[in-house]
């Protein structure tokens, strides 16, 4: 009985929060407003904006300063080594998703990269595979679900994780289960390894995008809407062609790509999570790592 009451109470509170966080649909007679509302795909916008502001405040207070110190303390070769090492750790998850998507050639590339970088690359610190033309690509289970026909669902901005949607959020959970390091942490009681990796990935991704995010914020009339649009467009690009996140960043960092008032948003996105992210998030190099 107590369990039932508790469950009902939690459910009621959850529904109340969702209801209070729902955006009010525009007047059906206003076709332009209705079209914009549908294209934004953000019925929970008030709640999402709240979490966006919370994440932004945490970024300003904690992540951004650490990222600045990280940039100052480490030379570029050291930072590249950290990124390469983190990417190499993520290879089993990328390989699994290559196979789930039926991408035999890309799976072969991922396997070869892991073997070469783990040996010639000194445990992944060097991207030796790129010397042989085996370039990095990222895949995650959110992309796999999209390939299988799953829609993205409504836009979400999650605490800590940042921009997402039901498909990608569920995909992160599957990727977490697929990651061998997850099981190493639990079996050998060294879960701090995964916590440390998550924190380093976030700091490294944020450090690489200090100027980019600053330019985006300065050039955006509505920073939240800019991030929302860029995230959705980036995910669509990744699903279609698996664009290298480094290439996407190089486009966004060009000041000409920063949207001005009323200008069309660029069709690229900053690099999670894990990842994000930005993997937010090194594995996926998504902005969710910072917002």
C-alpha atoms as a PDB file:
ATOM      1  CA  UNK A   1       0.000   0.000   0.000  1.00  0.00           C
ATOM      2  CA  UNK A   2       2.796   2.429   0.930  1.00  0.00           C
ATOM      3  CA  UNK A   3       4.624   1.561  -2.270  1.00  0.00           C
ATOM      4  CA  UNK A   4       1.457   2.237  -4.281  1.00  0.00           C
ATOM      5  CA  UNK A   5       0.933   5.591  -2.595  1.00  0.00           C
ATOM      6  CA  UNK A   6       4.543   6.555  -3.178  1.00  0.00           C
ATOM      7  CA  UNK A   7       4.345   5.550  -6.824  1.00  0.00           C
ATOM      8  CA  UNK A   8       1.160   7.558  -7.320  1.00  0.00           C
ATOM      9  CA  UNK A   9       2.718  10.560  -5.594  1.00  0.00           C
ATOM     10  CA  UNK A  10       5.853  10.428  -7.744  1.00  0.00           C
ATOM     11  CA  UNK A  11       3.761   9.992 -10.883  1.00  0.00           C
ATOM     12  CA  UNK A  12       1.573  12.959  -9.959  1.00  0.00           C
ATOM     13  CA  UNK A  13       4.579  15.191  -9.334  1.00  0.00           C
ATOM     14  CA  UNK A  14       6.199  14.093 -12.606  1.00  0.00           C
ATOM     15  CA  UNK A  15       3.044  14.806 -14.590  1.00  0.00           C
ATOM     16  CA  UNK A  16       2.711  18.179 -12.902  1.00  0.00           C
ATOM     17  CA  UNK A  17       6.271  19.101 -13.833  1.00  0.00           C
ATOM     18  CA  UNK A  18       5.742  18.016 -17.418  1.00  0.00           C
ATOM     19  CA  UNK A  19       2.488  19.931 -17.636  1.00  0.00           C
ATOM     20  CA  UNK A  20       4.076  23.081 -16.243  1.00  0.00           C
ATOM     21  CA  UNK A  21       6.940  22.703 -18.674  1.00  0.00           C
ATOM     22  CA  UNK A  22       4.815  22.439 -21.809  1.00  0.00           C
ATOM     23  CA  UNK A  23       4.859  25.229 -24.358  1.00  0.00           C
ATOM     24  CA  UNK A  24       1.506  26.729 -25.302  1.00  0.00           C
ATOM     25  CA  UNK A  25       0.653  25.892 -28.942  1.00  0.00           C
ATOM     26  CA  UNK A  26       0.039  28.963 -31.119  1.00  0.00           C
ATOM     27  CA  UNK A  27      -3.331  29.988 -32.518  1.00  0.00           C
ATOM     28  CA  UNK A  28      -4.214  27.449 -35.259  1.00  0.00           C
ATOM     29  CA  UNK A  29      -5.220  30.327 -37.507  1.00  0.00           C
ATOM     30  CA  UNK A  30      -1.642  31.653 -37.469  1.00  0.00           C
ATOM     31  CA  UNK A  31      -0.111  29.312 -40.036  1.00  0.00           C
ATOM     32  CA  UNK A  32       3.390  30.770 -39.800  1.00  0.00           C
ATOM     33  CA  UNK A  33       3.450  30.415 -36.013  1.00  0.00           C
ATOM     34  CA  UNK A  34       2.088  26.874 -36.213  1.00  0.00           C
ATOM     35  CA  UNK A  35       4.741  25.926 -38.775  1.00  0.00           C
ATOM     36  CA  UNK A  36       7.525  27.397 -36.626  1.00  0.00           C
ATOM     37  CA  UNK A  37       6.163  25.591 -33.555  1.00  0.00           C
ATOM     38  CA  UNK A  38       6.105  22.258 -35.379  1.00  0.00           C
ATOM     39  CA  UNK A  39       9.553  22.727 -36.902  1.00  0.00           C
ATOM     40  CA  UNK A  40      11.058  23.497 -33.496  1.00  0.00           C
ATOM     41  CA  UNK A  41       9.678  20.172 -32.241  1.00  0.00           C
ATOM     42  CA  UNK A  42       9.961  21.533 -28.705  1.00  0.00           C
ATOM     43  CA  UNK A  43       6.636  21.181 -26.839  1.00  0.00           C
ATOM     44  CA  UNK A  44       8.529  21.115 -23.514  1.00  0.00           C
ATOM     45  CA  UNK A  45      10.357  24.351 -24.271  1.00  0.00           C
ATOM     46  CA  UNK A  46       9.842  26.084 -20.888  1.00  0.00           C
ATOM     47  CA  UNK A  47      11.236  23.081 -19.017  1.00  0.00           C
ATOM     48  CA  UNK A  48      14.033  22.639 -21.565  1.00  0.00           C
ATOM     49  CA  UNK A  49      15.001  26.293 -21.265  1.00  0.00           C
ATOM     50  CA  UNK A  50      15.165  25.942 -17.492  1.00  0.00           C
ATOM     51  CA  UNK A  51      17.595  23.012 -17.714  1.00  0.00           C
ATOM     52  CA  UNK A  52      19.533  24.864 -20.413  1.00  0.00           C
ATOM     53  CA  UNK A  53      20.048  27.778 -18.030  1.00  0.00           C
ATOM     54  CA  UNK A  54      21.057  25.402 -15.212  1.00  0.00           C
ATOM     55  CA  UNK A  55      23.583  23.670 -17.459  1.00  0.00           C
ATOM     56  CA  UNK A  56      24.844  27.028 -18.720  1.00  0.00           C
ATOM     57  CA  UNK A  57      25.359  28.276 -15.166  1.00  0.00           C
ATOM     58  CA  UNK A  58      27.282  25.106 -14.252  1.00  0.00           C
ATOM     59  CA  UNK A  59      29.373  25.518 -17.368  1.00  0.00           C
ATOM     60  CA  UNK A  60      30.246  29.123 -16.525  1.00  0.00           C
ATOM     61  CA  UNK A  61      31.085  28.305 -12.908  1.00  0.00           C
ATOM     62  CA  UNK A  62      32.909  24.986 -13.299  1.00  0.00           C
ATOM     63  CA  UNK A  63      33.457  23.525 -16.754  1.00  0.00           C
ATOM     64  CA  UNK A  64      34.555  26.647 -18.626  1.00  0.00           C
ATOM     65  CA  UNK A  65      37.211  27.666 -16.052  1.00  0.00           C
ATOM     66  CA  UNK A  66      38.637  24.132 -15.908  1.00  0.00           C
ATOM     67  CA  UNK A  67      38.665  24.026 -19.705  1.00  0.00           C
ATOM     68  CA  UNK A  68      40.614  27.286 -19.746  1.00  0.00           C
ATOM     69  CA  UNK A  69      43.195  25.938 -17.302  1.00  0.00           C
ATOM     70  CA  UNK A  70      43.360  22.733 -19.366  1.00  0.00           C
ATOM     71  CA  UNK A  71      44.204  24.746 -22.484  1.00  0.00           C
ATOM     72  CA  UNK A  72      46.872  26.740 -20.669  1.00  0.00           C
ATOM     73  CA  UNK A  73      48.475  23.817 -18.848  1.00  0.00           C
ATOM     74  CA  UNK A  74      48.722  21.344 -21.717  1.00  0.00           C
ATOM     75  CA  UNK A  75      50.426  21.815 -25.084  1.00  0.00           C
ATOM     76  CA  UNK A  76      48.508  20.817 -28.206  1.00  0.00           C
ATOM     77  CA  UNK A  77      50.333  17.467 -28.650  1.00  0.00           C
ATOM     78  CA  UNK A  78      49.338  16.445 -25.121  1.00  0.00           C
ATOM     79  CA  UNK A  79      45.709  17.407 -25.707  1.00  0.00           C
ATOM     80  CA  UNK A  80      45.712  15.525 -29.008  1.00  0.00           C
ATOM     81  CA  UNK A  81      47.090  12.483 -27.210  1.00  0.00           C
ATOM     82  CA  UNK A  82      44.276  12.614 -24.654  1.00  0.00           C
ATOM     83  CA  UNK A  83      41.652  12.906 -27.376  1.00  0.00           C
ATOM     84  CA  UNK A  84      43.179  10.037 -29.337  1.00  0.00           C
ATOM     85  CA  UNK A  85      43.290   7.861 -26.218  1.00  0.00           C
ATOM     86  CA  UNK A  86      39.638   8.560 -25.391  1.00  0.00           C
ATOM     87  CA  UNK A  87      38.571   7.858 -28.960  1.00  0.00           C
ATOM     88  CA  UNK A  88      40.431   4.565 -28.924  1.00  0.00           C
ATOM     89  CA  UNK A  89      38.626   3.537 -25.731  1.00  0.00           C
ATOM     90  CA  UNK A  90      35.326   4.239 -27.500  1.00  0.00           C
ATOM     91  CA  UNK A  91      36.171   1.999 -30.495  1.00  0.00           C
ATOM     92  CA  UNK A  92      34.226  -1.102 -29.268  1.00  0.00           C
ATOM     93  CA  UNK A  93      31.004   0.928 -29.069  1.00  0.00           C
ATOM     94  CA  UNK A  94      31.593   2.398 -32.530  1.00  0.00           C
ATOM     95  CA  UNK A  95      32.315  -1.089 -33.906  1.00  0.00           C
ATOM     96  CA  UNK A  96      29.098  -2.495 -32.422  1.00  0.00           C
ATOM     97  CA  UNK A  97      27.041   0.253 -34.026  1.00  0.00           C
ATOM     98  CA  UNK A  98      28.844  -0.147 -37.359  1.00  0.00           C
ATOM     99  CA  UNK A  99      27.786  -3.793 -37.315  1.00  0.00           C
ATOM    100  CA  UNK A 100      24.230  -3.015 -36.168  1.00  0.00           C
ATOM    101  CA  UNK A 101      23.903  -0.690 -39.157  1.00  0.00           C
ATOM    102  CA  UNK A 102      25.264  -3.268 -41.580  1.00  0.00           C
ATOM    103  CA  UNK A 103      28.284  -1.097 -42.399  1.00  0.00           C
ATOM    104  CA  UNK A 104      30.871  -3.821 -42.994  1.00  0.00           C
ATOM    105  CA  UNK A 105      33.461  -1.512 -44.515  1.00  0.00           C
ATOM    106  CA  UNK A 106      33.235   0.992 -41.673  1.00  0.00           C
ATOM    107  CA  UNK A 107      33.361  -1.839 -39.149  1.00  0.00           C
ATOM    108  CA  UNK A 108      36.586  -3.010 -40.773  1.00  0.00           C
ATOM    109  CA  UNK A 109      38.010   0.496 -40.541  1.00  0.00           C
ATOM    110  CA  UNK A 110      37.070   0.748 -36.860  1.00  0.00           C
ATOM    111  CA  UNK A 111      38.659  -2.626 -36.110  1.00  0.00           C
ATOM    112  CA  UNK A 112      41.844  -1.788 -37.988  1.00  0.00           C
ATOM    113  CA  UNK A 113      42.074   1.605 -36.278  1.00  0.00           C
ATOM    114  CA  UNK A 114      41.738   0.033 -32.850  1.00  0.00           C
ATOM    115  CA  UNK A 115      44.414  -2.579 -33.530  1.00  0.00           C
ATOM    116  CA  UNK A 116      46.867  -0.137 -35.088  1.00  0.00           C
ATOM    117  CA  UNK A 117      46.371   2.632 -32.549  1.00  0.00           C
ATOM    118  CA  UNK A 118      46.578   0.211 -29.623  1.00  0.00           C
ATOM    119  CA  UNK A 119      49.953  -1.010 -30.852  1.00  0.00           C
ATOM    120  CA  UNK A 120      51.781   1.425 -33.132  1.00  0.00           C
ATOM    121  CA  UNK A 121      49.832   4.238 -31.525  1.00  0.00           C
ATOM    122  CA  UNK A 122      51.204   3.466 -28.056  1.00  0.00           C
ATOM    123  CA  UNK A 123      47.919   2.447 -26.477  1.00  0.00           C
ATOM    124  CA  UNK A 124      45.930   4.962 -28.486  1.00  0.00           C
ATOM    125  CA  UNK A 125      47.903   8.096 -27.625  1.00  0.00           C
ATOM    126  CA  UNK A 126      48.828   8.480 -31.293  1.00  0.00           C
ATOM    127  CA  UNK A 127      46.377   8.244 -34.184  1.00  0.00           C
ATOM    128  CA  UNK A 128      48.719   5.990 -36.134  1.00  0.00           C
ATOM    129  CA  UNK A 129      45.840   4.566 -38.173  1.00  0.00           C
ATOM    130  CA  UNK A 130      45.356   7.903 -39.915  1.00  0.00           C
ATOM    131  CA  UNK A 131      48.860   7.523 -41.339  1.00  0.00           C
ATOM    132  CA  UNK A 132      47.440   4.635 -43.371  1.00  0.00           C
ATOM    133  CA  UNK A 133      44.361   6.539 -44.503  1.00  0.00           C
ATOM    134  CA  UNK A 134      42.087   4.985 -41.862  1.00  0.00           C
ATOM    135  CA  UNK A 135      40.284   8.077 -40.652  1.00  0.00           C
ATOM    136  CA  UNK A 136      38.171   8.336 -37.521  1.00  0.00           C
ATOM    137  CA  UNK A 137      34.393   8.174 -37.663  1.00  0.00           C
ATOM    138  CA  UNK A 138      31.853   8.075 -34.867  1.00  0.00           C
ATOM    139  CA  UNK A 139      28.689   6.027 -34.461  1.00  0.00           C
ATOM    140  CA  UNK A 140      26.274   5.626 -31.581  1.00  0.00           C
ATOM    141  CA  UNK A 141      23.098   3.682 -30.908  1.00  0.00           C
ATOM    142  CA  UNK A 142      20.966   6.785 -31.381  1.00  0.00           C
ATOM    143  CA  UNK A 143      22.170   6.837 -34.991  1.00  0.00           C
ATOM    144  CA  UNK A 144      21.580   3.098 -35.236  1.00  0.00           C
ATOM    145  CA  UNK A 145      17.978   3.518 -34.100  1.00  0.00           C
ATOM    146  CA  UNK A 146      17.517   6.208 -36.736  1.00  0.00           C
ATOM    147  CA  UNK A 147      18.880   3.876 -39.418  1.00  0.00           C
ATOM    148  CA  UNK A 148      16.414   1.263 -38.224  1.00  0.00           C
ATOM    149  CA  UNK A 149      13.583   3.734 -38.772  1.00  0.00           C
ATOM    150  CA  UNK A 150      13.074   5.278 -35.332  1.00  0.00           C
ATOM    151  CA  UNK A 151      12.044   8.921 -35.253  1.00  0.00           C
ATOM    152  CA  UNK A 152      13.835  11.385 -33.024  1.00  0.00           C
ATOM    153  CA  UNK A 153      10.807  12.269 -30.900  1.00  0.00           C
ATOM    154  CA  UNK A 154      10.488  15.621 -29.170  1.00  0.00           C
ATOM    155  CA  UNK A 155      13.480  17.793 -28.425  1.00  0.00           C
ATOM    156  CA  UNK A 156      14.860  17.498 -24.896  1.00  0.00           C
ATOM    157  CA  UNK A 157      17.487  19.436 -23.002  1.00  0.00           C
ATOM    158  CA  UNK A 158      18.613  17.204 -20.167  1.00  0.00           C
ATOM    159  CA  UNK A 159      20.447  18.101 -16.951  1.00  0.00           C
ATOM    160  CA  UNK A 160      24.222  17.591 -17.426  1.00  0.00           C
ATOM    161  CA  UNK A 161      23.719  15.747 -20.736  1.00  0.00           C
ATOM    162  CA  UNK A 162      22.408  18.749 -22.654  1.00  0.00           C
ATOM    163  CA  UNK A 163      20.659  18.607 -26.079  1.00  0.00           C
ATOM    164  CA  UNK A 164      18.971  15.295 -26.826  1.00  0.00           C
ATOM    165  CA  UNK A 165      15.716  13.559 -27.684  1.00  0.00           C
ATOM    166  CA  UNK A 166      14.102  10.282 -26.555  1.00  0.00           C
ATOM    167  CA  UNK A 167      15.847   8.287 -29.288  1.00  0.00           C
ATOM    168  CA  UNK A 168      19.325   9.641 -28.572  1.00  0.00           C
ATOM    169  CA  UNK A 169      18.887   9.530 -24.795  1.00  0.00           C
ATOM    170  CA  UNK A 170      17.877   5.867 -25.008  1.00  0.00           C
ATOM    171  CA  UNK A 171      20.784   5.273 -27.350  1.00  0.00           C
ATOM    172  CA  UNK A 172      23.225   6.605 -24.767  1.00  0.00           C
ATOM    173  CA  UNK A 173      21.998   4.027 -22.281  1.00  0.00           C
ATOM    174  CA  UNK A 174      22.545   1.223 -24.795  1.00  0.00           C
ATOM    175  CA  UNK A 175      26.025   2.533 -25.638  1.00  0.00           C
ATOM    176  CA  UNK A 176      26.808   2.591 -21.919  1.00  0.00           C
ATOM    177  CA  UNK A 177      25.855  -1.080 -21.671  1.00  0.00           C
ATOM    178  CA  UNK A 178      27.835  -1.933 -24.817  1.00  0.00           C
ATOM    179  CA  UNK A 179      30.999  -0.294 -23.500  1.00  0.00           C
ATOM    180  CA  UNK A 180      33.409  -2.914 -22.090  1.00  0.00           C
ATOM    181  CA  UNK A 181      34.779  -0.380 -19.605  1.00  0.00           C
ATOM    182  CA  UNK A 182      31.340  -0.164 -18.012  1.00  0.00           C
ATOM    183  CA  UNK A 183      31.549  -3.827 -17.074  1.00  0.00           C
ATOM    184  CA  UNK A 184      35.202  -3.591 -16.049  1.00  0.00           C
ATOM    185  CA  UNK A 185      34.220  -0.844 -13.633  1.00  0.00           C
ATOM    186  CA  UNK A 186      31.430  -2.864 -12.054  1.00  0.00           C
ATOM    187  CA  UNK A 187      33.136  -6.252 -11.971  1.00  0.00           C
ATOM    188  CA  UNK A 188      36.410  -4.997 -10.510  1.00  0.00           C
ATOM    189  CA  UNK A 189      34.868  -2.210  -8.426  1.00  0.00           C
ATOM    190  CA  UNK A 190      36.784   0.516 -10.254  1.00  0.00           C
ATOM    191  CA  UNK A 191      33.856   2.588 -11.472  1.00  0.00           C
ATOM    192  CA  UNK A 192      35.966   5.697 -10.880  1.00  0.00           C
ATOM    193  CA  UNK A 193      37.585   4.912 -14.241  1.00  0.00           C
ATOM    194  CA  UNK A 194      34.362   5.679 -16.105  1.00  0.00           C
ATOM    195  CA  UNK A 195      33.672   8.750 -13.985  1.00  0.00           C
ATOM    196  CA  UNK A 196      37.147  10.072 -14.698  1.00  0.00           C
ATOM    197  CA  UNK A 197      36.796   9.357 -18.411  1.00  0.00           C
ATOM    198  CA  UNK A 198      33.459  11.182 -18.529  1.00  0.00           C
ATOM    199  CA  UNK A 199      34.935  14.235 -16.801  1.00  0.00           C
ATOM    200  CA  UNK A 200      38.059  14.344 -18.979  1.00  0.00           C
ATOM    201  CA  UNK A 201      35.959  13.972 -22.133  1.00  0.00           C
ATOM    202  CA  UNK A 202      33.799  16.884 -21.054  1.00  0.00           C
ATOM    203  CA  UNK A 203      36.741  19.134 -20.210  1.00  0.00           C
ATOM    204  CA  UNK A 204      38.616  18.248 -23.404  1.00  0.00           C
ATOM    205  CA  UNK A 205      35.574  18.862 -25.610  1.00  0.00           C
ATOM    206  CA  UNK A 206      34.790  22.153 -23.872  1.00  0.00           C
ATOM    207  CA  UNK A 207      38.410  23.285 -24.112  1.00  0.00           C
ATOM    208  CA  UNK A 208      38.444  22.705 -27.858  1.00  0.00           C
ATOM    209  CA  UNK A 209      35.336  24.839 -28.279  1.00  0.00           C
ATOM    210  CA  UNK A 210      35.915  27.789 -25.973  1.00  0.00           C
ATOM    211  CA  UNK A 211      36.083  30.320 -28.798  1.00  0.00           C
ATOM    212  CA  UNK A 212      33.434  28.579 -30.889  1.00  0.00           C
ATOM    213  CA  UNK A 213      30.812  28.630 -28.151  1.00  0.00           C
ATOM    214  CA  UNK A 214      31.682  32.221 -27.277  1.00  0.00           C
ATOM    215  CA  UNK A 215      31.175  33.254 -30.920  1.00  0.00           C
ATOM    216  CA  UNK A 216      27.907  31.356 -31.126  1.00  0.00           C
ATOM    217  CA  UNK A 217      26.622  33.020 -27.971  1.00  0.00           C
ATOM    218  CA  UNK A 218      27.698  36.457 -29.142  1.00  0.00           C
ATOM    219  CA  UNK A 219      26.140  36.040 -32.584  1.00  0.00           C
ATOM    220  CA  UNK A 220      22.854  34.469 -31.487  1.00  0.00           C
ATOM    221  CA  UNK A 221      19.703  36.417 -30.720  1.00  0.00           C
ATOM    222  CA  UNK A 222      18.402  33.342 -28.857  1.00  0.00           C
ATOM    223  CA  UNK A 223      21.300  31.121 -27.766  1.00  0.00           C
ATOM    224  CA  UNK A 224      18.966  28.334 -26.642  1.00  0.00           C
ATOM    225  CA  UNK A 225      17.188  28.221 -30.026  1.00  0.00           C
ATOM    226  CA  UNK A 226      20.531  28.281 -31.840  1.00  0.00           C
ATOM    227  CA  UNK A 227      21.834  25.297 -29.877  1.00  0.00           C
ATOM    228  CA  UNK A 228      18.561  23.437 -30.409  1.00  0.00           C
ATOM    229  CA  UNK A 229      18.638  23.951 -34.167  1.00  0.00           C
ATOM    230  CA  UNK A 230      22.328  23.142 -34.524  1.00  0.00           C
ATOM    231  CA  UNK A 231      22.010  19.973 -32.477  1.00  0.00           C
ATOM    232  CA  UNK A 232      19.102  18.645 -34.542  1.00  0.00           C
ATOM    233  CA  UNK A 233      20.798  19.488 -37.843  1.00  0.00           C
ATOM    234  CA  UNK A 234      24.086  17.947 -36.740  1.00  0.00           C
ATOM    235  CA  UNK A 235      22.363  14.738 -35.694  1.00  0.00           C
ATOM    236  CA  UNK A 236      20.602  14.531 -39.046  1.00  0.00           C
ATOM    237  CA  UNK A 237      23.930  15.028 -40.835  1.00  0.00           C
ATOM    238  CA  UNK A 238      25.599  12.362 -38.682  1.00  0.00           C
ATOM    239  CA  UNK A 239      22.827   9.873 -39.381  1.00  0.00           C
ATOM    240  CA  UNK A 240      23.046  10.424 -43.129  1.00  0.00           C
ATOM    241  CA  UNK A 241      26.774  10.484 -43.663  1.00  0.00           C
ATOM    242  CA  UNK A 242      28.586  10.163 -40.337  1.00  0.00           C
ATOM    243  CA  UNK A 243      30.310  13.509 -40.801  1.00  0.00           C
ATOM    244  CA  UNK A 244      33.596  13.783 -38.938  1.00  0.00           C
ATOM    245  CA  UNK A 245      32.896  16.023 -35.926  1.00  0.00           C
ATOM    246  CA  UNK A 246      36.236  17.763 -36.467  1.00  0.00           C
ATOM    247  CA  UNK A 247      35.069  18.863 -39.912  1.00  0.00           C
ATOM    248  CA  UNK A 248      31.831  20.156 -38.447  1.00  0.00           C
ATOM    249  CA  UNK A 249      33.724  22.199 -35.878  1.00  0.00           C
ATOM    250  CA  UNK A 250      35.967  23.749 -38.511  1.00  0.00           C
ATOM    251  CA  UNK A 251      32.856  25.029 -40.288  1.00  0.00           C
ATOM    252  CA  UNK A 252      31.240  26.486 -37.202  1.00  0.00           C
ATOM    253  CA  UNK A 253      34.412  28.170 -35.962  1.00  0.00           C
ATOM    254  CA  UNK A 254      34.438  30.311 -39.090  1.00  0.00           C
ATOM    255  CA  UNK A 255      32.891  33.616 -38.014  1.00  0.00           C
ATOM    256  CA  UNK A 256      30.974  33.758 -41.298  1.00  0.00           C
ATOM    257  CA  UNK A 257      29.042  30.685 -40.153  1.00  0.00           C
ATOM    258  CA  UNK A 258      27.861  32.326 -36.916  1.00  0.00           C
ATOM    259  CA  UNK A 259      24.197  33.255 -37.461  1.00  0.00           C
ATOM    260  CA  UNK A 260      23.304  36.910 -37.295  1.00  0.00           C
ATOM    261  CA  UNK A 261      19.911  38.332 -36.376  1.00  0.00           C
ATOM    262  CA  UNK A 262      17.334  36.558 -38.507  1.00  0.00           C
ATOM    263  CA  UNK A 263      19.981  34.687 -40.505  1.00  0.00           C
ATOM    264  CA  UNK A 264      19.576  31.049 -41.418  1.00  0.00           C
ATOM    265  CA  UNK A 265      21.386  28.718 -39.045  1.00  0.00           C
ATOM    266  CA  UNK A 266      24.332  26.693 -40.371  1.00  0.00           C
ATOM    267  CA  UNK A 267      23.654  23.034 -41.032  1.00  0.00           C
ATOM    268  CA  UNK A 268      26.432  21.851 -38.728  1.00  0.00           C
ATOM    269  CA  UNK A 269      26.882  21.452 -35.010  1.00  0.00           C
ATOM    270  CA  UNK A 270      29.659  21.666 -32.468  1.00  0.00           C
ATOM    271  CA  UNK A 271      31.209  18.443 -31.286  1.00  0.00           C
ATOM    272  CA  UNK A 272      28.835  15.513 -26.783  1.00  0.00           C
ATOM    273  CA  UNK A 273      28.939  12.092 -24.920  1.00  0.00           C
ATOM    274  CA  UNK A 274      29.802  10.682 -23.490  1.00  0.00           C
ATOM    275  CA  UNK A 275      29.400  12.028 -25.764  1.00  0.00           C
ATOM    276  CA  UNK A 276      27.644  15.101 -26.961  1.00  0.00           C
ATOM    277  CA  UNK A 277      28.866  14.366 -27.049  1.00  0.00           C
ATOM    278  CA  UNK A 278      28.644  17.465 -27.431  1.00  0.00           C
ATOM    279  CA  UNK A 279      30.778  12.466 -27.319  1.00  0.00           C
ATOM    280  CA  UNK A 280      28.357  16.007 -25.047  1.00  0.00           C
ATOM    281  CA  UNK A 281      29.931  15.033 -25.333  1.00  0.00           C
ATOM    282  CA  UNK A 282      35.507  12.843 -27.184  1.00  0.00           C
ATOM    283  CA  UNK A 283      33.637   9.753 -28.317  1.00  0.00           C
ATOM    284  CA  UNK A 284      30.855  11.617 -30.035  1.00  0.00           C
ATOM    285  CA  UNK A 285      32.266  15.121 -29.533  1.00  0.00           C
ATOM    286  CA  UNK A 286      28.835  16.651 -29.099  1.00  0.00           C
ATOM    287  CA  UNK A 287      27.921  19.969 -27.585  1.00  0.00           C
ATOM    288  CA  UNK A 288      25.904  18.166 -24.955  1.00  0.00           C
ATOM    289  CA  UNK A 289      29.137  17.823 -23.028  1.00  0.00           C
ATOM    290  CA  UNK A 290      29.095  21.573 -22.471  1.00  0.00           C
ATOM    291  CA  UNK A 291      25.356  22.313 -22.506  1.00  0.00           C
END
